[in-house]
Structures are given as structure tokens and as C-alpha cells.
Protein backbone atom coordinates (compact mmCIF):
# COMPACT_ATOMS: atom_id res chain seq x y z
CA UNK A 1 35.68 3.25 -27.28
CA UNK A 2 34.55 6.68 -26.12
CA UNK A 3 35.90 7.43 -22.83
CA UNK A 4 33.76 9.89 -20.74
CA UNK A 5 35.16 12.94 -19.36
CA UNK A 6 35.26 13.34 -15.50
CA UNK A 7 32.96 16.91 -15.87
CA UNK A 8 30.72 14.50 -18.15
CA UNK A 9 30.56 11.79 -15.09
CA UNK A 10 30.05 14.34 -12.94
CA UNK A 11 27.61 15.98 -14.98
CA UNK A 12 25.16 12.19 -14.55
CA UNK A 13 26.19 11.95 -11.44
CA UNK A 14 24.94 15.03 -10.60
CA UNK A 15 21.61 13.91 -12.49
CA UNK A 16 21.49 10.89 -10.81
CA UNK A 17 21.12 12.36 -7.80
CA UNK A 18 18.73 15.19 -9.59
CA UNK A 19 16.19 12.02 -10.45
CA UNK A 20 16.20 10.23 -7.26
CA UNK A 21 15.57 12.71 -5.26
CA UNK A 22 12.68 13.54 -7.17
CA UNK A 23 11.32 10.32 -6.69
CA UNK A 24 8.32 10.20 -4.34
CA UNK A 25 9.09 6.93 -2.91
CA UNK A 26 12.25 6.00 -0.31
CA UNK A 27 15.06 4.28 -2.49
CA UNK A 28 18.06 2.57 -1.60
CA UNK A 29 21.05 0.94 -3.50
CA UNK A 30 22.55 -1.94 -1.69
CA UNK A 31 25.84 -3.00 -2.46
CA UNK A 32 26.79 -7.48 -2.80
CA UNK A 33 28.49 -6.62 0.83
CA UNK A 34 25.15 -5.17 1.93
CA UNK A 35 26.30 -1.64 2.28
CA UNK A 36 24.22 1.04 1.53
CA UNK A 37 25.59 2.66 -1.34
CA UNK A 38 23.12 5.60 -2.42
CA UNK A 39 20.35 6.62 -0.25
CA UNK A 40 17.55 9.75 -1.79
CA UNK A 41 16.60 12.66 -0.39
CA UNK A 42 12.60 10.94 1.22
CA UNK A 43 14.24 8.30 2.95
CA UNK A 44 17.05 10.47 4.64
CA UNK A 45 13.67 12.16 6.06
CA UNK A 46 12.04 9.79 6.59
CA UNK A 47 14.48 7.67 8.76
CA UNK A 48 15.78 10.94 10.05
CA UNK A 49 19.44 10.57 8.87
CA UNK A 50 21.75 12.10 7.45
CA UNK A 51 23.67 11.01 4.15
CA UNK A 52 27.22 10.56 7.06
CA UNK A 53 25.49 7.92 9.27
CA UNK A 54 23.58 6.07 6.48
CA UNK A 55 26.03 5.52 3.32
CA UNK A 56 28.46 2.42 3.92
CA UNK A 57 27.22 1.92 6.45
CA UNK A 58 25.61 -1.87 6.77
CA UNK A 59 21.73 -2.90 6.83
CA UNK A 60 22.04 -3.89 10.63
CA UNK A 61 23.34 -0.44 11.08
CA UNK A 62 20.67 1.86 9.04
CA UNK A 63 17.60 -0.77 10.50
CA UNK A 64 16.34 -2.42 13.72
CA UNK A 65 17.55 -5.96 13.20
CA UNK A 66 13.96 -7.51 14.29
CA UNK A 67 12.76 -5.92 11.61
CA UNK A 68 15.28 -7.21 9.04
CA UNK A 69 15.10 -10.89 10.55
CA UNK A 70 10.61 -10.27 10.75
CA UNK A 71 10.55 -8.99 6.80
CA UNK A 72 13.39 -11.45 6.23
CA UNK A 73 14.77 -8.94 4.09
CA UNK A 74 18.58 -9.96 4.51
CA UNK A 75 17.56 -13.55 2.27
CA UNK A 76 15.20 -11.85 0.15
CA UNK A 77 18.48 -8.92 -1.10
CA UNK A 78 20.69 -12.42 -1.80
CA UNK A 79 18.18 -13.36 -4.14
CA UNK A 80 18.39 -10.48 -5.60
CA UNK A 81 22.32 -10.80 -6.01
CA UNK A 82 22.14 -14.87 -6.59
CA UNK A 83 19.32 -15.30 -9.01
CA UNK A 84 18.52 -11.75 -10.47
CA UNK A 85 14.66 -12.56 -8.27
CA UNK A 86 12.57 -9.07 -7.21
CA UNK A 87 10.18 -9.06 -4.51
CA UNK A 88 6.89 -7.30 -4.48
CA UNK A 89 4.53 -6.27 -3.23
CA UNK A 90 5.72 -6.81 0.75
CA UNK A 91 4.79 -4.66 3.42
CA UNK A 92 6.55 -2.85 6.66
CA UNK A 93 6.02 -0.94 9.58
CA UNK A 94 9.34 1.00 10.58
CA UNK A 95 9.85 3.87 13.30
CA UNK A 96 12.79 6.13 12.75
CA UNK A 97 14.48 6.27 16.60
CA UNK A 98 12.56 9.81 17.54
CA UNK A 99 10.15 9.20 15.00
CA UNK A 100 6.89 8.43 14.78
CA UNK A 101 5.81 4.86 13.17
CA UNK A 102 5.33 4.72 9.69
CA UNK A 103 3.85 1.85 7.33
CA UNK A 104 5.86 1.21 4.30
CA UNK A 105 4.36 -1.17 0.56
CA UNK A 106 8.93 -2.04 -0.13
CA UNK A 107 9.66 -3.98 -3.17
CA UNK A 108 13.72 -5.56 -4.03
CA UNK A 109 14.81 -4.94 -7.66
CA UNK A 110 18.01 -6.22 -8.68
CA UNK A 111 20.00 -3.93 -10.89
CA UNK A 112 21.73 -6.32 -13.21
CA UNK A 113 24.58 -5.24 -15.89
CA UNK A 114 25.54 -7.58 -18.68
CA UNK A 115 23.95 -10.65 -17.11
CA UNK A 116 25.20 -9.86 -13.45
CA UNK A 117 23.24 -8.48 -10.24
CA UNK A 118 25.98 -5.55 -9.59
CA UNK A 119 23.39 -3.26 -6.77
CA UNK A 120 20.13 -3.61 -5.67
CA UNK A 121 17.17 -1.09 -4.88
CA UNK A 122 15.03 -1.25 -2.02
CA UNK A 123 12.01 0.40 -2.85
CA UNK A 124 10.03 1.73 0.16
CA UNK A 125 6.60 3.84 -0.99
CA UNK A 126 4.96 5.48 2.92
CA UNK A 127 1.72 4.11 2.87
CA UNK A 128 0.70 5.16 6.44
CA UNK A 129 -1.74 7.91 5.64
CA UNK A 130 -3.54 5.01 2.89
CA UNK A 131 -3.57 2.44 5.70
CA UNK A 132 -5.39 4.94 8.45
CA UNK A 133 -7.45 6.21 6.16
CA UNK A 134 -8.44 2.54 5.30
CA UNK A 135 -8.43 1.72 8.93
CA UNK A 136 -11.03 4.77 9.62
CA UNK A 137 -13.02 3.71 6.88
CA UNK A 138 -13.38 0.66 8.11
CA UNK A 139 -14.34 1.48 11.33
CA UNK A 140 -16.67 3.82 9.90
CA UNK A 141 -18.41 1.38 8.22
CA UNK A 142 -18.61 -0.85 10.96
CA UNK A 143 -20.68 2.20 13.14
CA UNK A 144 -22.62 2.74 9.93
CA UNK A 145 -24.09 -0.72 10.24
CA UNK A 146 -25.17 -0.76 13.54
CA UNK A 147 -27.05 2.13 13.29
CA UNK A 148 -28.78 0.70 10.39
CA UNK A 149 -29.31 -3.14 12.10
CA UNK A 150 -30.39 -1.05 15.04
CA UNK A 151 -32.95 1.48 13.41
CA UNK A 152 -36.42 0.75 14.17
CA UNK A 153 -37.19 2.19 10.33
CA UNK A 154 -37.51 -0.11 7.35
CA UNK A 155 -33.79 0.65 5.98
CA UNK A 156 -32.73 -0.79 2.53
CA UNK A 157 -30.13 -0.30 0.23
CA UNK A 158 -30.26 -1.18 -3.26
CA UNK A 159 -27.95 -1.00 -6.91
CA UNK A 160 -28.70 1.57 -9.10
CA UNK A 161 -31.72 -1.18 -10.75
CA UNK A 162 -33.23 -1.21 -7.50
CA UNK A 163 -32.11 -4.58 -6.68
CA UNK A 164 -31.82 -5.22 -2.73
CA UNK A 165 -28.20 -4.90 -1.44
CA UNK A 166 -28.52 -4.30 2.82
CA UNK A 167 -32.08 -5.21 4.64
CA UNK A 168 -32.61 -4.55 8.05
CA UNK A 169 -34.07 -6.16 11.17
CA UNK A 170 -36.98 -3.38 10.90
CA UNK A 171 -37.30 -4.53 6.92
CA UNK A 172 -37.08 -8.14 8.05
CA UNK A 173 -39.83 -8.11 10.63
CA UNK A 174 -41.95 -5.89 9.02
CA UNK A 175 -41.71 -7.82 4.90
CA UNK A 176 -41.36 -11.06 6.56
CA UNK A 177 -38.12 -11.47 4.10
CA UNK A 178 -34.91 -12.31 5.26
CA UNK A 179 -32.15 -10.68 3.73
CA UNK A 180 -31.33 -13.69 1.93
CA UNK A 181 -34.23 -14.56 0.58
CA UNK A 182 -34.59 -10.84 -0.97
CA UNK A 183 -30.62 -10.49 -1.47
CA UNK A 184 -30.62 -9.23 -5.12
CA UNK A 185 -33.88 -9.05 -6.20
CA UNK A 186 -35.99 -5.75 -7.44
CA UNK A 187 -37.71 -4.22 -4.38
CA UNK A 188 -40.55 -3.35 -6.95
CA UNK A 189 -41.07 -7.27 -7.21
CA UNK A 190 -42.07 -7.14 -3.09
CA UNK A 191 -44.66 -4.51 -4.31
CA UNK A 192 -48.57 -5.05 -5.60
CA UNK A 193 -48.41 -5.96 -9.49
CA UNK A 194 -50.10 -2.25 -10.24
CA UNK A 195 -47.57 -0.38 -8.27
CA UNK A 196 -44.22 -2.49 -9.76
CA UNK A 197 -43.94 0.07 -12.83
CA UNK A 198 -43.89 2.84 -10.71
CA UNK A 199 -41.92 1.91 -8.44
CA UNK A 200 -39.22 1.22 -11.36
CA UNK A 201 -39.25 4.09 -12.40
CA UNK A 202 -38.47 5.86 -9.49
CA UNK A 203 -35.06 3.78 -9.60
């Protein structure tokens, strides 16, 4: 079996660290004793921690115990070690000491070697801005819906074929039709026959 020289091993270690730090997610490698054996730059910067107070520390020394309990994170990591089972698609809210609240989407991934899980990777993607943006969009949609409903004008929206998707109160009052009656029907069908072809052409 070919032996790897110390200089080659150091090169591989340096390359590993460069790759780890290039990942835009926060990455932690966790040992069977629940100690953090590796943390990338993204995690250290976002959590406002140094390597000295992160590496070789147990999870409760790095994450607040209530957060670990709420996410059942220790059990999920145990399952990864015992059953080689990954956990996907969980969300966590984390506030670093002295920092702002951040929202992460996290995954627990077992790293197996010869059938045995040697390390577990905790991969965390910061989705704070996306979450805030989606909340802003929902607020804007609610505001727009209120404006549309309270407008005195006949307002509707359609798909590209002219099929009705929304229909405000004024439209109901003017036409005499409730939204449920006209939804997904072509707007041109509500017009007199001699105007239907012209309306279809407009859409």
C-alpha cells in the first residue's frame, strides 16, 4: 500500500480547507462524541465565533441548548451515525451572541467509510433574505388584494388566453356574476356575440 508523505498530506489538508471555505453554506463536521472537528469560514463569520472557541467543542457549547432541543438535533445526528440516515429540509432560527437573528435551512449528512459512519456533516444554508423577501411579497400581495377589492372600478385579471382568474366586488356588482361563476371562463364569453371575436383578438 502506497504511503502518503507528510507534505502530500498537508497539501490535501490545505486543499480541503480551501474547498470548505469556498462553500457558500455553513459547514460543520461532527465526531461520534458530538465534538466539532471542522468548521468552515462561512459558519465562523455568521456565528461570530473563532476556531479556538468552536473546534473540539461539544454541540451545546456552540449552539444554545434550547435550539438543540427544539430541533431534536442531537437525536438526528445520532441517527446519522447509527443508521447512516440523513435528515433533509429542516429550518432553524439562530441568533449568534450579539448578532442578528438568522434563518437557516439545515441538513444532517452522514459521511461513511467502508460502511461505517465516521463523521456527520451539518450543512446550513442562510435563507434569511429569501424568507424576508417572500414575507414582503406576501404583504404586498395582501395589500394589493385589499386595494383591488375596495376599488370602485371593474377590475379583473386573466391568463394569456383571456380566462378570468380574479374578479373584484365592483365587477360582481356591474356584471351580476360572482367570481365562482366566471372563474376560468373566457372574458369574451361575457360579451355580446358580435364583440367576442374582437375581445379574443385583444387578448
